Amino acid sequence: MAEAQNSGSEARDMRPTRLRDALRQARIEAADRTGVVVELRDAEVARLEILNEALDPLFAEVPGQVDLFDRGVSQGETPRLWIDVVAHVVMGRDKRIYRFVQDTRYGRIVIAESHDVPVIVDAVTGYVARRMIEREHAMVAMQAAEPVVETKPRRRGFGAFVLGFVLGAVGLFGLALYAALRGL
């Protein structure tokens, strides 16, 4: 029986050591994978920043009063180069292909997809041009919808004021006369 207790205690001693070793090995593997993921994310961000720099000349031509575009690289779980509120560039699954997408009310659509920066720059240029034209059309429609109000001098208001003043003065004079006659 002593041997059974001995072998049972040895088994208990060995299990935590094995589990502890397995946990340590699992932590090392997770750290290695995390390092690889961080390196891949950094590579994605670097590629998106290269594209962002290639877009600098395009956005330098956009007039200052056009506030449609808010370009910048976000470094979340999935790094993105935002063009505006609804369009962005994200790296594909292989982390080497650029995918220019737009979110619509019907879902996400892919506008362009390529390994080459100039192809994506051309796609973004076309998108920016279309958005600027849409903005111009909206501005014209807003101006056409506004009623045209003629500005004429308002003398009528001044005349009403004078008439009210005169009638009030006559009324007060009449009231004072009535009170004076009644008091006699």
Protein backbone atom coordinates (compact mmCIF):
# COMPACT_ATOMS: atom_id res chain seq x y z
CA MET A 1 0.00 0.00 0.00
CA ALA A 2 2.91 2.28 0.71
CA GLU A 3 4.13 1.65 -2.81
CA ALA A 4 0.71 2.63 -4.20
CA GLN A 5 0.80 5.87 -2.26
CA ASN A 6 4.37 6.48 -3.42
CA SER A 7 3.52 5.93 -7.08
CA GLY A 8 0.39 8.10 -6.70
CA SER A 9 2.42 10.97 -5.22
CA GLU A 10 5.06 10.59 -7.90
CA ALA A 11 2.36 10.81 -10.57
CA ARG A 12 0.99 13.95 -8.95
CA ASP A 13 4.46 15.48 -8.82
CA MET A 14 5.15 14.67 -12.45
CA ARG A 15 1.83 16.01 -13.82
CA PRO A 16 2.26 19.61 -12.70
CA THR A 17 5.81 19.58 -13.97
CA ARG A 18 4.64 18.29 -17.33
CA LEU A 19 1.72 20.72 -17.43
CA ARG A 20 3.97 23.53 -16.30
CA ASP A 21 6.42 22.66 -19.08
CA ALA A 22 3.57 22.41 -21.59
CA LEU A 23 2.22 25.80 -20.49
CA ARG A 24 5.68 27.33 -20.77
CA GLN A 25 6.11 25.87 -24.24
CA ALA A 26 2.63 27.11 -25.25
CA ARG A 27 3.48 30.60 -24.01
CA ILE A 28 6.71 30.60 -26.01
CA GLU A 29 4.83 29.50 -29.15
CA ALA A 30 2.14 32.15 -28.59
CA ALA A 31 4.81 34.82 -28.18
CA ASP A 32 6.46 33.68 -31.42
CA ARG A 33 3.12 33.83 -33.24
CA THR A 34 2.38 37.23 -31.73
CA GLY A 35 5.77 38.46 -32.91
CA VAL A 36 5.01 37.24 -36.42
CA VAL A 37 1.57 38.90 -36.33
CA VAL A 38 3.10 42.17 -35.13
CA GLU A 39 5.70 42.01 -37.89
CA LEU A 40 2.99 41.35 -40.50
CA ARG A 41 0.89 44.24 -39.17
CA ASP A 42 3.94 46.52 -39.26
CA ALA A 43 4.58 45.45 -42.85
CA GLU A 44 0.94 46.22 -43.74
CA VAL A 45 1.17 49.65 -42.16
CA ALA A 46 4.44 50.35 -43.99
CA ARG A 47 2.89 49.40 -47.35
CA LEU A 48 -0.16 51.57 -46.64
CA GLU A 49 2.11 54.50 -45.73
CA ILE A 50 3.96 54.06 -49.05
CA LEU A 51 0.60 54.31 -50.83
CA ASN A 52 -0.36 57.30 -48.66
CA GLU A 53 2.81 59.12 -49.75
CA ALA A 54 2.06 58.26 -53.39
CA LEU A 55 -1.34 59.94 -52.96
CA ASP A 56 0.15 63.21 -51.65
CA PRO A 57 0.26 64.91 -55.11
CA LEU A 58 -3.40 64.01 -55.73
CA PHE A 59 -4.64 65.48 -52.46
CA ALA A 60 -2.45 68.55 -52.91
CA GLU A 61 -4.63 69.37 -55.95
CA VAL A 62 -7.93 69.08 -54.04
CA PRO A 63 -9.22 72.60 -53.28
CA GLY A 64 -9.10 73.64 -49.64
CA GLN A 65 -12.85 74.31 -49.39
CA VAL A 66 -13.63 70.68 -50.32
CA ASP A 67 -13.92 68.91 -46.98
CA LEU A 68 -15.01 65.50 -48.24
CA PHE A 69 -11.74 63.68 -47.67
CA ASP A 70 -10.08 62.73 -44.43
CA ARG A 71 -7.05 60.69 -45.40
CA GLY A 72 -4.98 58.79 -42.87
CA VAL A 73 -3.69 55.38 -41.83
CA SER A 74 -5.50 53.71 -38.93
CA GLN A 75 -3.51 51.11 -37.06
CA GLY A 76 -6.22 48.95 -35.55
CA GLU A 77 -6.55 45.20 -35.77
CA THR A 78 -6.77 45.63 -39.53
CA PRO A 79 -4.66 48.61 -40.68
CA ARG A 80 -6.44 50.80 -43.25
CA LEU A 81 -5.67 53.85 -45.34
CA TRP A 82 -8.84 55.92 -45.16
CA ILE A 83 -9.67 58.10 -48.15
CA ASP A 84 -12.98 59.40 -46.78
CA VAL A 85 -15.70 58.19 -44.46
CA VAL A 86 -16.84 55.35 -46.72
CA ALA A 87 -13.76 54.38 -48.75
CA HIS A 88 -10.46 52.90 -47.66
CA VAL A 89 -7.54 50.77 -48.80
CA VAL A 90 -6.82 47.56 -46.94
CA MET A 91 -4.21 44.90 -47.58
CA GLY A 92 -5.41 41.59 -49.00
CA ARG A 93 -5.05 38.21 -47.33
CA ASP A 94 -1.56 37.72 -48.72
CA LYS A 95 -0.52 41.13 -47.26
CA ARG A 96 0.98 42.19 -50.61
CA ILE A 97 -2.10 43.16 -52.58
CA TYR A 98 -3.85 46.50 -52.13
CA ARG A 99 -7.65 46.37 -52.05
CA PHE A 100 -9.50 49.70 -52.48
CA VAL A 101 -13.03 49.26 -51.12
CA GLN A 102 -16.11 51.39 -50.53
CA ASP A 103 -18.83 50.72 -47.97
CA THR A 104 -22.31 51.25 -49.41
CA ARG A 105 -25.77 50.68 -48.01
CA TYR A 106 -25.80 47.42 -49.97
CA GLY A 107 -22.50 46.18 -48.57
CA ARG A 108 -18.81 46.58 -49.32
CA ILE A 109 -17.70 46.80 -52.95
CA VAL A 110 -14.17 46.42 -54.25
CA ILE A 111 -13.27 49.35 -56.49
CA ALA A 112 -9.75 48.19 -57.36
CA GLU A 113 -7.31 45.49 -56.40
CA SER A 114 -3.65 45.32 -57.38
CA HIS A 115 -0.09 44.66 -56.25
CA ASP A 116 1.01 47.91 -57.91
CA VAL A 117 0.79 51.29 -56.19
CA PRO A 118 0.20 53.27 -59.45
CA VAL A 119 -2.91 51.20 -60.24
CA ILE A 120 -4.41 51.98 -56.83
CA VAL A 121 -3.39 55.65 -57.15
CA ASP A 122 -5.30 55.81 -60.46
CA ALA A 123 -8.35 54.16 -58.87
CA VAL A 124 -8.28 56.59 -55.92
CA THR A 125 -7.87 59.51 -58.35
CA GLY A 126 -11.00 58.43 -60.24
CA TYR A 127 -12.89 57.99 -56.99
CA VAL A 128 -11.88 61.45 -55.73
CA ALA A 129 -12.94 63.01 -59.04
CA ARG A 130 -16.35 61.29 -58.90
CA ARG A 131 -16.90 62.40 -55.30
CA MET A 132 -16.03 66.00 -56.18
CA ILE A 133 -18.49 65.95 -59.10
CA GLU A 134 -21.19 64.52 -56.79
CA ARG A 135 -20.46 67.36 -54.37
CA GLU A 136 -20.80 69.96 -57.13
CA HIS A 137 -24.14 68.48 -58.21
CA ALA A 138 -25.37 68.50 -54.62
CA MET A 139 -24.30 72.14 -54.17
CA VAL A 140 -26.12 73.17 -57.38
CA ALA A 141 -29.24 71.28 -56.30
CA MET A 142 -29.16 72.98 -52.89
CA GLN A 143 -28.84 76.41 -54.48
CA ALA A 144 -31.68 75.68 -56.90
CA ALA A 145 -33.92 74.57 -54.03
CA GLU A 146 -33.39 77.77 -52.04
CA PRO A 147 -36.12 80.35 -52.74
CA VAL A 148 -34.96 83.70 -54.05
CA VAL A 149 -36.08 86.45 -51.68
CA GLU A 150 -36.18 90.00 -53.00
CA THR A 151 -34.98 92.58 -50.56
CA LYS A 152 -37.26 95.62 -50.65
CA PRO A 153 -37.06 98.39 -48.11
CA ARG A 154 -39.74 97.98 -45.46
CA ARG A 155 -41.46 101.32 -45.08
CA ARG A 156 -44.71 99.68 -44.20
CA GLY A 157 -43.49 98.82 -40.72
CA PHE A 158 -42.45 102.41 -40.02
CA GLY A 159 -45.83 103.71 -41.26
CA ALA A 160 -47.66 101.28 -38.96
CA PHE A 161 -45.53 102.49 -36.06
CA VAL A 162 -46.37 106.16 -36.78
CA LEU A 163 -50.07 105.37 -37.20
CA GLY A 164 -50.10 103.45 -33.90
CA PHE A 165 -48.31 106.30 -32.15
CA VAL A 166 -50.77 108.89 -33.46
CA LEU A 167 -53.83 106.76 -32.60
CA GLY A 168 -52.45 106.12 -29.11
CA ALA A 169 -51.82 109.82 -28.53
CA VAL A 170 -55.35 110.71 -29.76
CA GLY A 171 -56.80 107.98 -27.53
CA LEU A 172 -54.95 109.27 -24.47
CA PHE A 173 -56.01 112.85 -25.24
CA GLY A 174 -59.62 111.69 -25.63
CA LEU A 175 -59.46 109.77 -22.34
CA ALA A 176 -57.99 112.77 -20.53
CA LEU A 177 -60.68 115.05 -21.99
CA TYR A 178 -63.42 112.62 -20.95
CA ALA A 179 -62.04 112.43 -17.41
CA ALA A 180 -61.79 116.20 -17.20
CA LEU A 181 -65.35 116.74 -18.42
CA ARG A 182 -66.72 114.13 -16.07
CA GLY A 183 -64.92 115.67 -13.13
CA LEU A 184 -66.57 119.06 -13.69
